[in-house]
PDB file of N, CA and C in Angstrom:
ATOM      1  N   MET A   1      86.206  54.389   2.602  1.00  0.00           N
ATOM      2  CA  MET A   1      86.939  53.260   2.345  1.00  0.00           C
ATOM      3  C   MET A   1      88.293  53.555   1.783  1.00  0.00           C
ATOM      4  N   ASN A   2      89.368  53.023   2.280  1.00  0.00           N
ATOM      5  CA  ASN A   2      90.733  53.209   1.718  1.00  0.00           C
ATOM      6  C   ASN A   2      91.054  52.284   0.613  1.00  0.00           C
ATOM      7  N   ASN A   3      92.142  52.429   0.063  1.00  0.00           N
ATOM      8  CA  ASN A   3      92.617  51.643  -1.105  1.00  0.00           C
ATOM      9  C   ASN A   3      92.758  50.150  -0.777  1.00  0.00           C
ATOM     10  N   ASP A   4      93.296  49.891   0.480  1.00  0.00           N
ATOM     11  CA  ASP A   4      93.411  48.511   0.926  1.00  0.00           C
ATOM     12  C   ASP A   4      92.057  47.831   1.053  1.00  0.00           C
ATOM     13  N   GLU A   5      91.070  48.514   1.539  1.00  0.00           N
ATOM     14  CA  GLU A   5      89.682  47.916   1.553  1.00  0.00           C
ATOM     15  C   GLU A   5      89.182  47.652   0.269  1.00  0.00           C
ATOM     16  N   PHE A   6      89.405  48.583  -0.792  1.00  0.00           N
ATOM     17  CA  PHE A   6      88.946  48.325  -2.212  1.00  0.00           C
ATOM     18  C   PHE A   6      89.743  47.064  -2.683  1.00  0.00           C
ATOM     19  N   SER A   7      90.984  46.925  -2.434  1.00  0.00           N
ATOM     20  CA  SER A   7      91.697  45.863  -3.029  1.00  0.00           C
ATOM     21  C   SER A   7      91.208  44.496  -2.329  1.00  0.00           C
ATOM     22  N   MET A   8      90.943  44.464  -1.087  1.00  0.00           N
ATOM     23  CA  MET A   8      90.367  43.302  -0.472  1.00  0.00           C
ATOM     24  C   MET A   8      89.087  42.967  -1.137  1.00  0.00           C
ATOM     25  N   GLU A   9      88.200  43.934  -1.269  1.00  0.00           N
ATOM     26  CA  GLU A   9      86.903  43.714  -1.887  1.00  0.00           C
ATOM     27  C   GLU A   9      86.974  43.196  -3.323  1.00  0.00           C
ATOM     28  N   ASP A  10      87.952  43.684  -4.043  1.00  0.00           N
ATOM     29  CA  ASP A  10      88.146  43.211  -5.469  1.00  0.00           C
ATOM     30  C   ASP A  10      88.636  41.835  -5.520  1.00  0.00           C
ATOM     31  N   LEU A  11      89.555  41.528  -4.528  1.00  0.00           N
ATOM     32  CA  LEU A  11      90.061  40.158  -4.467  1.00  0.00           C
ATOM     33  C   LEU A  11      88.988  39.204  -4.077  1.00  0.00           C
ATOM     34  N   ASP A  12      88.146  39.557  -3.117  1.00  0.00           N
ATOM     35  CA  ASP A  12      87.086  38.675  -2.772  1.00  0.00           C
ATOM     36  C   ASP A  12      86.068  38.396  -4.022  1.00  0.00           C
ATOM     37  N   ASP A  13      85.809  39.590  -4.659  1.00  0.00           N
ATOM     38  CA  ASP A  13      84.921  39.399  -5.944  1.00  0.00           C
ATOM     39  C   ASP A  13      85.532  38.541  -6.962  1.00  0.00           C
ATOM     40  N   GLU A  14      86.907  38.612  -7.062  1.00  0.00           N
ATOM     41  CA  GLU A  14      87.545  37.713  -8.066  1.00  0.00           C
ATOM     42  C   GLU A  14      87.445  36.234  -7.600  1.00  0.00           C
ATOM     43  N   LYS A  15      87.634  35.980  -6.319  1.00  0.00           N
ATOM     44  CA  LYS A  15      87.457  34.666  -5.749  1.00  0.00           C
ATOM     45  C   LYS A  15      86.100  34.153  -5.955  1.00  0.00           C
ATOM     46  N   THR A  16      85.095  35.007  -5.666  1.00  0.00           N
ATOM     47  CA  THR A  16      83.672  34.655  -5.776  1.00  0.00           C
ATOM     48  C   THR A  16      83.386  34.299  -7.213  1.00  0.00           C
ATOM     49  N   ILE A  17      83.821  35.112  -8.180  1.00  0.00           N
ATOM     50  CA  ILE A  17      83.534  34.790  -9.604  1.00  0.00           C
ATOM     51  C   ILE A  17      84.186  33.538  -9.998  1.00  0.00           C
ATOM     52  N   ALA A  18      85.448  33.283  -9.623  1.00  0.00           N
ATOM     53  CA  ALA A  18      86.129  32.029  -9.965  1.00  0.00           C
ATOM     54  C   ALA A  18      85.390  30.865  -9.338  1.00  0.00           C
ATOM     55  N   TYR A  19      84.905  30.940  -8.211  1.00  0.00           N
ATOM     56  CA  TYR A  19      84.071  29.912  -7.594  1.00  0.00           C
ATOM     57  C   TYR A  19      82.812  29.548  -8.386  1.00  0.00           C
ATOM     58  N   ILE A  20      82.110  30.725  -8.706  1.00  0.00           N
ATOM     59  CA  ILE A  20      80.864  30.571  -9.482  1.00  0.00           C
ATOM     60  C   ILE A  20      81.146  29.938 -10.837  1.00  0.00           C
ATOM     61  N   LYS A  21      82.156  30.324 -11.526  1.00  0.00           N
ATOM     62  CA  LYS A  21      82.548  29.760 -12.794  1.00  0.00           C
ATOM     63  C   LYS A  21      82.783  28.293 -12.707  1.00  0.00           C
ATOM     64  N   GLU A  22      83.421  27.880 -11.638  1.00  0.00           N
ATOM     65  CA  GLU A  22      83.623  26.372 -11.521  1.00  0.00           C
ATOM     66  C   GLU A  22      82.371  25.582 -11.329  1.00  0.00           C
ATOM     67  N   ARG A  23      81.392  26.169 -10.722  1.00  0.00           N
ATOM     68  CA  ARG A  23      80.134  25.494 -10.495  1.00  0.00           C
ATOM     69  C   ARG A  23      79.039  25.538 -11.614  1.00  0.00           C
ATOM     70  N   LEU A  24      79.299  26.424 -12.561  1.00  0.00           N
ATOM     71  CA  LEU A  24      78.413  26.598 -13.640  1.00  0.00           C
ATOM     72  C   LEU A  24      78.311  25.427 -14.556  1.00  0.00           C
ATOM     73  N   PRO A  25      77.089  25.104 -15.125  1.00  0.00           N
ATOM     74  CA  PRO A  25      76.996  24.065 -16.138  1.00  0.00           C
ATOM     75  C   PRO A  25      77.856  24.386 -17.262  1.00  0.00           C
ATOM     76  N   GLN A  26      78.401  23.413 -18.019  1.00  0.00           N
ATOM     77  CA  GLN A  26      79.354  23.567 -19.023  1.00  0.00           C
ATOM     78  C   GLN A  26      78.937  24.634 -20.050  1.00  0.00           C
ATOM     79  N   ASP A  27      77.704  24.513 -20.414  1.00  0.00           N
ATOM     80  CA  ASP A  27      77.214  25.473 -21.536  1.00  0.00           C
ATOM     81  C   ASP A  27      77.202  26.967 -21.133  1.00  0.00           C
ATOM     82  N   LEU A  28      77.334  27.198 -19.808  1.00  0.00           N
ATOM     83  CA  LEU A  28      77.293  28.606 -19.305  1.00  0.00           C
ATOM     84  C   LEU A  28      78.713  29.123 -18.999  1.00  0.00           C
ATOM     85  N   LYS A  29      79.678  28.295 -18.916  1.00  0.00           N
ATOM     86  CA  LYS A  29      81.046  28.639 -18.434  1.00  0.00           C
ATOM     87  C   LYS A  29      81.626  29.804 -19.250  1.00  0.00           C
ATOM     88  N   GLU A  30      81.401  29.843 -20.478  1.00  0.00           N
ATOM     89  CA  GLU A  30      82.013  30.930 -21.360  1.00  0.00           C
ATOM     90  C   GLU A  30      80.975  31.909 -21.915  1.00  0.00           C
ATOM     91  N   LYS A  31      79.765  31.777 -21.383  1.00  0.00           N
ATOM     92  CA  LYS A  31      78.621  32.714 -21.922  1.00  0.00           C
ATOM     93  C   LYS A  31      78.756  34.145 -21.389  1.00  0.00           C
ATOM     94  N   PHE A  32      79.311  34.342 -20.274  1.00  0.00           N
ATOM     95  CA  PHE A  32      79.288  35.699 -19.632  1.00  0.00           C
ATOM     96  C   PHE A  32      80.727  36.277 -19.560  1.00  0.00           C
ATOM     97  N   SER A  33      80.922  37.572 -19.772  1.00  0.00           N
ATOM     98  CA  SER A  33      82.321  38.251 -19.650  1.00  0.00           C
ATOM     99  C   SER A  33      82.576  38.446 -18.159  1.00  0.00           C
ATOM    100  N   ASP A  34      83.835  38.797 -17.887  1.00  0.00           N
ATOM    101  CA  ASP A  34      84.080  39.027 -16.456  1.00  0.00           C
ATOM    102  C   ASP A  34      83.381  40.353 -16.085  1.00  0.00           C
ATOM    103  N   ASP A  35      83.310  41.320 -16.902  1.00  0.00           N
ATOM    104  CA  ASP A  35      82.495  42.564 -16.523  1.00  0.00           C
ATOM    105  C   ASP A  35      81.064  42.202 -16.210  1.00  0.00           C
ATOM    106  N   GLU A  36      80.384  41.214 -16.944  1.00  0.00           N
ATOM    107  CA  GLU A  36      79.052  40.903 -16.606  1.00  0.00           C
ATOM    108  C   GLU A  36      78.995  40.188 -15.262  1.00  0.00           C
ATOM    109  N   PHE A  37      79.961  39.330 -14.947  1.00  0.00           N
ATOM    110  CA  PHE A  37      80.028  38.770 -13.660  1.00  0.00           C
ATOM    111  C   PHE A  37      80.118  39.728 -12.534  1.00  0.00           C
ATOM    112  N   TYR A  38      80.936  40.754 -12.668  1.00  0.00           N
ATOM    113  CA  TYR A  38      81.030  41.787 -11.671  1.00  0.00           C
ATOM    114  C   TYR A  38      79.719  42.524 -11.580  1.00  0.00           C
ATOM    115  N   TYR A  39      79.116  42.782 -12.739  1.00  0.00           N
ATOM    116  CA  TYR A  39      77.755  43.480 -12.665  1.00  0.00           C
ATOM    117  C   TYR A  39      76.751  42.584 -11.886  1.00  0.00           C
ATOM    118  N   PHE A  40      76.764  41.289 -12.265  1.00  0.00           N
ATOM    119  CA  PHE A  40      75.842  40.435 -11.578  1.00  0.00           C
ATOM    120  C   PHE A  40      76.023  40.455 -10.014  1.00  0.00           C
ATOM    121  N   LEU A  41      77.300  40.393  -9.588  1.00  0.00           N
ATOM    122  CA  LEU A  41      77.597  40.452  -8.135  1.00  0.00           C
ATOM    123  C   LEU A  41      77.126  41.734  -7.545  1.00  0.00           C
ATOM    124  N   ASP A  42      77.362  42.841  -8.185  1.00  0.00           N
ATOM    125  CA  ASP A  42      76.958  44.115  -7.652  1.00  0.00           C
ATOM    126  C   ASP A  42      75.398  44.088  -7.586  1.00  0.00           C
ATOM    127  N   THR A  43      74.774  43.593  -8.544  1.00  0.00           N
ATOM    128  CA  THR A  43      73.312  43.575  -8.524  1.00  0.00           C
ATOM    129  C   THR A  43      72.722  42.661  -7.496  1.00  0.00           C
ATOM    130  N   ILE A  44      73.389  41.551  -7.279  1.00  0.00           N
ATOM    131  CA  ILE A  44      72.969  40.777  -6.152  1.00  0.00           C
ATOM    132  C   ILE A  44      73.015  41.492  -4.782  1.00  0.00           C
ATOM    133  N   TYR A  45      74.142  42.113  -4.655  1.00  0.00           N
ATOM    134  CA  TYR A  45      74.333  42.860  -3.414  1.00  0.00           C
ATOM    135  C   TYR A  45      73.276  43.985  -3.253  1.00  0.00           C
ATOM    136  N   ASP A  46      72.963  44.641  -4.362  1.00  0.00           N
ATOM    137  CA  ASP A  46      71.857  45.619  -4.452  1.00  0.00           C
ATOM    138  C   ASP A  46      70.491  45.015  -4.089  1.00  0.00           C
ATOM    139  N   TYR A  47      70.355  43.850  -4.505  1.00  0.00           N
ATOM    140  CA  TYR A  47      69.050  43.148  -4.101  1.00  0.00           C
ATOM    141  C   TYR A  47      68.998  42.914  -2.594  1.00  0.00           C
ATOM    142  N   TYR A  48      70.152  42.319  -2.141  1.00  0.00           N
ATOM    143  CA  TYR A  48      70.196  42.157  -0.626  1.00  0.00           C
ATOM    144  C   TYR A  48      69.932  43.405   0.135  1.00  0.00           C
ATOM    145  N   ASP A  49      70.428  44.471  -0.268  1.00  0.00           N
ATOM    146  CA  ASP A  49      70.241  45.825   0.403  1.00  0.00           C
ATOM    147  C   ASP A  49      68.803  46.281   0.226  1.00  0.00           C
ATOM    148  N   LYS A  50      68.314  46.311  -0.929  1.00  0.00           N
ATOM    149  CA  LYS A  50      66.899  46.709  -1.252  1.00  0.00           C
ATOM    150  C   LYS A  50      65.781  45.937  -0.575  1.00  0.00           C
ATOM    151  N   SER A  51      66.055  44.611  -0.469  1.00  0.00           N
ATOM    152  CA  SER A  51      65.124  43.672   0.052  1.00  0.00           C
ATOM    153  C   SER A  51      65.044  43.673   1.595  1.00  0.00           C
ATOM    154  N   GLY A  52      66.044  44.136   2.241  1.00  0.00           N
ATOM    155  CA  GLY A  52      66.099  44.165   3.664  1.00  0.00           C
ATOM    156  C   GLY A  52      66.663  42.913   4.311  1.00  0.00           C
ATOM    157  N   ILE A  53      67.170  41.976   3.491  1.00  0.00           N
ATOM    158  CA  ILE A  53      67.701  40.756   3.963  1.00  0.00           C
ATOM    159  C   ILE A  53      68.847  41.013   4.915  1.00  0.00           C
ATOM    160  N   LEU A  54      69.628  42.021   4.658  1.00  0.00           N
ATOM    161  CA  LEU A  54      70.948  42.311   5.423  1.00  0.00           C
ATOM    162  C   LEU A  54      70.505  42.945   6.710  1.00  0.00           C
ATOM    163  N   ASP A  55      69.246  43.482   6.858  1.00  0.00           N
ATOM    164  CA  ASP A  55      68.848  44.137   8.084  1.00  0.00           C
ATOM    165  C   ASP A  55      68.047  43.271   9.016  1.00  0.00           C
ATOM    166  N   SER A  56      67.772  41.936   8.569  1.00  0.00           N
ATOM    167  CA  SER A  56      66.992  41.152   9.325  1.00  0.00           C
ATOM    168  C   SER A  56      67.766  40.697  10.667  1.00  0.00           C
ATOM    169  N   ASP A  57      66.947  40.648  11.717  1.00  0.00           N
ATOM    170  CA  ASP A  57      67.449  40.189  12.969  1.00  0.00           C
ATOM    171  C   ASP A  57      67.246  38.649  13.082  1.00  0.00           C
ATOM    172  N   ASN A  58      66.553  38.058  12.201  1.00  0.00           N
ATOM    173  CA  ASN A  58      66.203  36.622  12.302  1.00  0.00           C
ATOM    174  C   ASN A  58      67.386  35.826  12.037  1.00  0.00           C
ATOM    175  N   GLU A  59      67.570  34.684  12.637  1.00  0.00           N
ATOM    176  CA  GLU A  59      68.582  33.747  12.398  1.00  0.00           C
ATOM    177  C   GLU A  59      68.430  33.083  10.990  1.00  0.00           C
ATOM    178  N   TYR A  60      67.189  32.907  10.683  1.00  0.00           N
ATOM    179  CA  TYR A  60      66.735  32.247   9.412  1.00  0.00           C
ATOM    180  C   TYR A  60      66.128  33.301   8.442  1.00  0.00           C
ATOM    181  N   VAL A  61      66.699  33.435   7.226  1.00  0.00           N
ATOM    182  CA  VAL A  61      66.127  34.358   6.326  1.00  0.00           C
ATOM    183  C   VAL A  61      65.810  33.557   5.037  1.00  0.00           C
ATOM    184  N   ASP A  62      64.630  33.754   4.555  1.00  0.00           N
ATOM    185  CA  ASP A  62      64.177  32.974   3.335  1.00  0.00           C
ATOM    186  C   ASP A  62      64.718  33.780   2.042  1.00  0.00           C
ATOM    187  N   ILE A  63      65.509  33.089   1.375  1.00  0.00           N
ATOM    188  CA  ILE A  63      66.048  33.701   0.123  1.00  0.00           C
ATOM    189  C   ILE A  63      65.555  32.885  -1.058  1.00  0.00           C
ATOM    190  N   ASP A  64      64.979  33.691  -1.955  1.00  0.00           N
ATOM    191  CA  ASP A  64      64.373  33.115  -3.201  1.00  0.00           C
ATOM    192  C   ASP A  64      65.291  33.380  -4.379  1.00  0.00           C
ATOM    193  N   ILE A  65      66.056  32.298  -4.737  1.00  0.00           N
ATOM    194  CA  ILE A  65      67.074  32.457  -5.834  1.00  0.00           C
ATOM    195  C   ILE A  65      66.411  32.836  -7.128  1.00  0.00           C
ATOM    196  N   ASN A  66      65.206  32.292  -7.403  1.00  0.00           N
ATOM    197  CA  ASN A  66      64.570  32.738  -8.705  1.00  0.00           C
ATOM    198  C   ASN A  66      64.232  34.193  -8.623  1.00  0.00           C
ATOM    199  N   GLU A  67      63.775  34.729  -7.492  1.00  0.00           N
ATOM    200  CA  GLU A  67      63.490  36.128  -7.420  1.00  0.00           C
ATOM    201  C   GLU A  67      64.668  37.095  -7.564  1.00  0.00           C
ATOM    202  N   ILE A  68      65.863  36.541  -7.066  1.00  0.00           N
ATOM    203  CA  ILE A  68      67.079  37.373  -7.264  1.00  0.00           C
ATOM    204  C   ILE A  68      67.555  37.290  -8.717  1.00  0.00           C
ATOM    205  N   ALA A  69      67.467  36.157  -9.305  1.00  0.00           N
ATOM    206  CA  ALA A  69      67.769  36.021 -10.710  1.00  0.00           C
ATOM    207  C   ALA A  69      66.951  36.909 -11.637  1.00  0.00           C
ATOM    208  N   GLU A  70      65.659  36.868 -11.356  1.00  0.00           N
ATOM    209  CA  GLU A  70      64.778  37.817 -12.059  1.00  0.00           C
ATOM    210  C   GLU A  70      65.035  39.264 -11.862  1.00  0.00           C
ATOM    211  N   PHE A  71      65.427  39.542 -10.675  1.00  0.00           N
ATOM    212  CA  PHE A  71      65.768  40.959 -10.356  1.00  0.00           C
ATOM    213  C   PHE A  71      67.061  41.358 -11.218  1.00  0.00           C
ATOM    214  N   ILE A  72      68.014  40.513 -11.269  1.00  0.00           N
ATOM    215  CA  ILE A  72      69.222  40.806 -11.987  1.00  0.00           C
ATOM    216  C   ILE A  72      68.890  40.973 -13.518  1.00  0.00           C
ATOM    217  N   ALA A  73      68.137  40.077 -14.067  1.00  0.00           N
ATOM    218  CA  ALA A  73      67.738  40.187 -15.464  1.00  0.00           C
ATOM    219  C   ALA A  73      66.922  41.467 -15.675  1.00  0.00           C
ATOM    220  N   LYS A  74      65.987  41.917 -14.764  1.00  0.00           N
ATOM    221  CA  LYS A  74      65.236  43.156 -15.030  1.00  0.00           C
ATOM    222  C   LYS A  74      66.157  44.350 -14.932  1.00  0.00           C
ATOM    223  N   GLU A  75      67.072  44.296 -13.912  1.00  0.00           N
ATOM    224  CA  GLU A  75      68.052  45.491 -13.821  1.00  0.00           C
ATOM    225  C   GLU A  75      69.037  45.598 -14.949  1.00  0.00           C
ATOM    226  N   ALA A  76      69.516  44.434 -15.483  1.00  0.00           N
ATOM    227  CA  ALA A  76      70.428  44.480 -16.521  1.00  0.00           C
ATOM    228  C   ALA A  76      69.695  45.059 -17.833  1.00  0.00           C
ATOM    229  N   LYS A  77      68.478  44.654 -18.044  1.00  0.00           N
ATOM    230  CA  LYS A  77      67.796  45.128 -19.232  1.00  0.00           C
ATOM    231  C   LYS A  77      67.466  46.557 -19.005  1.00  0.00           C
ATOM    232  N   LYS A  78      67.128  47.000 -17.935  1.00  0.00           N
ATOM    233  CA  LYS A  78      66.790  48.385 -17.572  1.00  0.00           C
ATOM    234  C   LYS A  78      68.056  49.259 -17.761  1.00  0.00           C
ATOM    235  N   ASN A  79      69.221  48.815 -17.314  1.00  0.00           N
ATOM    236  CA  ASN A  79      70.439  49.507 -17.394  1.00  0.00           C
ATOM    237  C   ASN A  79      71.258  49.279 -18.684  1.00  0.00           C
ATOM    238  N   LYS A  80      70.548  48.553 -19.689  1.00  0.00           N
ATOM    239  CA  LYS A  80      71.155  48.340 -21.009  1.00  0.00           C
ATOM    240  C   LYS A  80      72.499  47.570 -20.899  1.00  0.00           C
ATOM    241  N   ILE A  81      72.582  46.747 -19.964  1.00  0.00           N
ATOM    242  CA  ILE A  81      73.788  45.809 -19.825  1.00  0.00           C
ATOM    243  C   ILE A  81      73.543  44.618 -20.785  1.00  0.00           C
ATOM    244  N   GLY A  82      72.376  44.123 -20.867  1.00  0.00           N
ATOM    245  CA  GLY A  82      72.138  43.016 -21.708  1.00  0.00           C
ATOM    246  C   GLY A  82      70.713  42.414 -21.396  1.00  0.00           C
ATOM    247  N   ASP A  83      70.429  41.364 -22.240  1.00  0.00           N
ATOM    248  CA  ASP A  83      69.147  40.723 -22.039  1.00  0.00           C
ATOM    249  C   ASP A  83      69.471  39.250 -21.613  1.00  0.00           C
ATOM    250  N   PHE A  84      69.377  39.000 -20.291  1.00  0.00           N
ATOM    251  CA  PHE A  84      69.837  37.731 -19.746  1.00  0.00           C
ATOM    252  C   PHE A  84      68.573  36.846 -19.291  1.00  0.00           C
ATOM    253  N   ASP A  85      68.797  35.632 -19.569  1.00  0.00           N
ATOM    254  CA  ASP A  85      67.685  34.578 -19.028  1.00  0.00           C
ATOM    255  C   ASP A  85      67.841  34.325 -17.597  1.00  0.00           C
ATOM    256  N   PRO A  86      66.842  34.604 -16.815  1.00  0.00           N
ATOM    257  CA  PRO A  86      66.925  34.316 -15.377  1.00  0.00           C
ATOM    258  C   PRO A  86      67.176  32.948 -14.996  1.00  0.00           C
ATOM    259  N   GLU A  87      66.908  31.963 -15.954  1.00  0.00           N
ATOM    260  CA  GLU A  87      67.322  30.565 -15.687  1.00  0.00           C
ATOM    261  C   GLU A  87      68.788  30.457 -15.666  1.00  0.00           C
ATOM    262  N   ASP A  88      69.498  31.165 -16.528  1.00  0.00           N
ATOM    263  CA  ASP A  88      70.984  31.114 -16.512  1.00  0.00           C
ATOM    264  C   ASP A  88      71.538  31.820 -15.294  1.00  0.00           C
ATOM    265  N   LEU A  89      70.828  32.998 -14.982  1.00  0.00           N
ATOM    266  CA  LEU A  89      71.361  33.761 -13.865  1.00  0.00           C
ATOM    267  C   LEU A  89      71.124  33.032 -12.481  1.00  0.00           C
ATOM    268  N   TYR A  90      70.200  32.080 -12.416  1.00  0.00           N
ATOM    269  CA  TYR A  90      69.967  31.303 -11.305  1.00  0.00           C
ATOM    270  C   TYR A  90      71.280  30.586 -10.700  1.00  0.00           C
ATOM    271  N   PHE A  91      71.996  30.118 -11.697  1.00  0.00           N
ATOM    272  CA  PHE A  91      73.233  29.417 -11.248  1.00  0.00           C
ATOM    273  C   PHE A  91      74.296  30.314 -10.675  1.00  0.00           C
ATOM    274  N   ILE A  92      74.247  31.560 -11.262  1.00  0.00           N
ATOM    275  CA  ILE A  92      75.126  32.553 -10.722  1.00  0.00           C
ATOM    276  C   ILE A  92      74.871  32.924  -9.255  1.00  0.00           C
ATOM    277  N   VAL A  93      73.572  33.152  -9.026  1.00  0.00           N
ATOM    278  CA  VAL A  93      73.055  33.464  -7.721  1.00  0.00           C
ATOM    279  C   VAL A  93      73.410  32.386  -6.814  1.00  0.00           C
ATOM    280  N   GLU A  94      72.978  31.119  -7.229  1.00  0.00           N
ATOM    281  CA  GLU A  94      73.290  30.016  -6.345  1.00  0.00           C
ATOM    282  C   GLU A  94      74.733  29.858  -6.060  1.00  0.00           C
ATOM    283  N   GLY A  95      75.647  30.013  -6.997  1.00  0.00           N
ATOM    284  CA  GLY A  95      77.072  30.027  -6.748  1.00  0.00           C
ATOM    285  C   GLY A  95      77.522  31.115  -5.668  1.00  0.00           C
ATOM    286  N   GLU A  96      76.961  32.309  -5.741  1.00  0.00           N
ATOM    287  CA  GLU A  96      77.316  33.437  -4.815  1.00  0.00           C
ATOM    288  C   GLU A  96      76.886  32.941  -3.456  1.00  0.00           C
ATOM    289  N   LEU A  97      75.687  32.361  -3.389  1.00  0.00           N
ATOM    290  CA  LEU A  97      75.183  32.026  -1.997  1.00  0.00           C
ATOM    291  C   LEU A  97      76.058  30.870  -1.405  1.00  0.00           C
ATOM    292  N   ALA A  98      76.446  29.990  -2.331  1.00  0.00           N
ATOM    293  CA  ALA A  98      77.228  28.821  -1.819  1.00  0.00           C
ATOM    294  C   ALA A  98      78.619  29.245  -1.407  1.00  0.00           C
ATOM    295  N   TYR A  99      79.229  30.281  -2.246  1.00  0.00           N
ATOM    296  CA  TYR A  99      80.537  30.764  -1.897  1.00  0.00           C
ATOM    297  C   TYR A  99      80.554  31.463  -0.457  1.00  0.00           C
ATOM    298  N   ASN A 100      79.470  32.117  -0.251  1.00  0.00           N
ATOM    299  CA  ASN A 100      79.344  32.780   1.082  1.00  0.00           C
ATOM    300  C   ASN A 100      78.776  31.954   2.203  1.00  0.00           C
ATOM    301  N   GLY A 101      78.567  30.653   1.893  1.00  0.00           N
ATOM    302  CA  GLY A 101      78.112  29.681   2.914  1.00  0.00           C
ATOM    303  C   GLY A 101      76.620  29.922   3.278  1.00  0.00           C
ATOM    304  N   ILE A 102      75.913  30.594   2.483  1.00  0.00           N
ATOM    305  CA  ILE A 102      74.521  30.730   2.811  1.00  0.00           C
ATOM    306  C   ILE A 102      73.618  29.558   2.460  1.00  0.00           C
ATOM    307  N   ILE A 103      74.094  28.876   1.344  1.00  0.00           N
ATOM    308  CA  ILE A 103      73.415  27.651   1.067  1.00  0.00           C
ATOM    309  C   ILE A 103      74.449  26.478   1.125  1.00  0.00           C
ATOM    310  N   ASP A 104      74.070  25.307   1.143  1.00  0.00           N
ATOM    311  CA  ASP A 104      74.988  24.089   1.193  1.00  0.00           C
ATOM    312  C   ASP A 104      75.607  24.028  -0.178  1.00  0.00           C
ATOM    313  N   ASP A 105      76.969  23.895  -0.183  1.00  0.00           N
ATOM    314  CA  ASP A 105      77.815  23.769  -1.335  1.00  0.00           C
ATOM    315  C   ASP A 105      77.354  22.688  -2.291  1.00  0.00           C
ATOM    316  N   GLU A 106      76.642  21.636  -1.777  1.00  0.00           N
ATOM    317  CA  GLU A 106      76.248  20.533  -2.669  1.00  0.00           C
ATOM    318  C   GLU A 106      74.899  20.660  -3.310  1.00  0.00           C
ATOM    319  N   GLU A 107      74.158  21.756  -3.079  1.00  0.00           N
ATOM    320  CA  GLU A 107      72.878  21.914  -3.602  1.00  0.00           C
ATOM    321  C   GLU A 107      72.991  21.912  -5.152  1.00  0.00           C
TER     322      GLU A 107
END
């Protein structure tokens, strides 16, 4: 990957995080740092990779938002990033999915 690809990826992550923050319930808007948001996004992508979702040939893939939120919470605790409530992380996963057009923006 060259520097331009990294820059584009970082810019997309910034846009994704801004979108997620807009959708969060008011009590969660200031709860997480930017570094935590970047960690959450990376962990969501790790989940997609490990679960095989990205390798599916099916047009429809069942995505369990609760399962992803629990995965993030477990990984964050294991990696000593923090102790996060999967119920809070649910909204972050939902925002990432909506940003990428995987779920309806109005859910």
